[in-house]
Amino acid sequence: MVVTIGLAAVNASGGISVQVGFAWGTNASFFLPNVSAVHAWLSELARRMHA
């Protein structure tokens, strides 16, 4: 429940909320299945920012 409240606060302030792993019962805007997916997503984000 604390995570859900925290993600709702992130969303309300215009942030990006990401749930890693199970996606049930979350307020996250995005879902990534595992840590490897997080690494890939962050790498792609960094690549686009420096392009």
C-alpha atoms as a PDB file:
ATOM      1  CA  MET A   1       0.000   0.000   0.000  1.00  0.00           C
ATOM      2  CA  VAL A   2       2.850   2.422   0.765  1.00  0.00           C
ATOM      3  CA  VAL A   3       4.282   1.850  -2.722  1.00  0.00           C
ATOM      4  CA  THR A   4       0.879   2.533  -4.294  1.00  0.00           C
ATOM      5  CA  ILE A   5       0.569   5.798  -2.355  1.00  0.00           C
ATOM      6  CA  GLY A   6       4.113   6.768  -3.333  1.00  0.00           C
ATOM      7  CA  LEU A   7       3.477   6.066  -7.009  1.00  0.00           C
ATOM      8  CA  ALA A   8       0.265   8.110  -6.871  1.00  0.00           C
ATOM      9  CA  ALA A   9       2.258  11.026  -5.425  1.00  0.00           C
ATOM     10  CA  VAL A  10       4.847  10.721  -8.202  1.00  0.00           C
ATOM     11  CA  ASN A  11       2.081  10.742 -10.815  1.00  0.00           C
ATOM     12  CA  ALA A  12       0.351  13.717  -9.201  1.00  0.00           C
ATOM     13  CA  SER A  13       3.551  15.761  -9.311  1.00  0.00           C
ATOM     14  CA  GLY A  14       4.069  15.032 -13.008  1.00  0.00           C
ATOM     15  CA  GLY A  15       6.761  12.401 -12.529  1.00  0.00           C
ATOM     16  CA  ILE A  16       7.253   9.046 -14.180  1.00  0.00           C
ATOM     17  CA  SER A  17       6.276   6.035 -12.089  1.00  0.00           C
ATOM     18  CA  VAL A  18       7.539   2.601 -13.072  1.00  0.00           C
ATOM     19  CA  GLN A  19       6.614  -0.736 -11.526  1.00  0.00           C
ATOM     20  CA  VAL A  20       9.227  -3.456 -11.938  1.00  0.00           C
ATOM     21  CA  GLY A  21       7.991  -7.021 -11.629  1.00  0.00           C
ATOM     22  CA  PHE A  22       4.392  -7.851 -10.841  1.00  0.00           C
ATOM     23  CA  ALA A  23       1.961  -5.215 -12.126  1.00  0.00           C
ATOM     24  CA  TRP A  24      -1.112  -5.970 -10.025  1.00  0.00           C
ATOM     25  CA  GLY A  25      -2.511  -3.343  -7.676  1.00  0.00           C
ATOM     26  CA  THR A  26      -0.254  -0.495  -8.712  1.00  0.00           C
ATOM     27  CA  ASN A  27      -0.640   3.155  -9.648  1.00  0.00           C
ATOM     28  CA  ALA A  28       2.449   3.022 -11.851  1.00  0.00           C
ATOM     29  CA  SER A  29       2.224   4.682 -15.241  1.00  0.00           C
ATOM     30  CA  PHE A  30       4.589   2.138 -16.756  1.00  0.00           C
ATOM     31  CA  PHE A  31       5.440  -1.506 -16.163  1.00  0.00           C
ATOM     32  CA  LEU A  32       8.743  -3.254 -16.832  1.00  0.00           C
ATOM     33  CA  PRO A  33       8.928  -7.003 -16.298  1.00  0.00           C
ATOM     34  CA  ASN A  34      12.418  -7.235 -14.759  1.00  0.00           C
ATOM     35  CA  VAL A  35      15.678  -5.446 -13.937  1.00  0.00           C
ATOM     36  CA  SER A  36      17.151  -6.231 -17.357  1.00  0.00           C
ATOM     37  CA  ALA A  37      14.253  -4.354 -18.941  1.00  0.00           C
ATOM     38  CA  VAL A  38      14.970  -1.369 -16.659  1.00  0.00           C
ATOM     39  CA  HIS A  39      18.600  -1.332 -17.807  1.00  0.00           C
ATOM     40  CA  ALA A  40      17.562  -1.474 -21.457  1.00  0.00           C
ATOM     41  CA  TRP A  41      14.985   1.298 -20.973  1.00  0.00           C
ATOM     42  CA  LEU A  42      17.466   3.580 -19.196  1.00  0.00           C
ATOM     43  CA  SER A  43      20.131   2.919 -21.832  1.00  0.00           C
ATOM     44  CA  GLU A  44      17.707   3.833 -24.598  1.00  0.00           C
ATOM     45  CA  LEU A  45      16.612   6.962 -22.737  1.00  0.00           C
ATOM     46  CA  ALA A  46      20.246   8.062 -22.313  1.00  0.00           C
ATOM     47  CA  ARG A  47      20.952   7.362 -25.984  1.00  0.00           C
ATOM     48  CA  ARG A  48      18.003   9.505 -27.099  1.00  0.00           C
ATOM     49  CA  MET A  49      18.965  12.347 -24.756  1.00  0.00           C
ATOM     50  CA  HIS A  50      22.484  12.477 -26.203  1.00  0.00           C
ATOM     51  CA  ALA A  51      21.485  12.076 -29.862  1.00  0.00           C
END
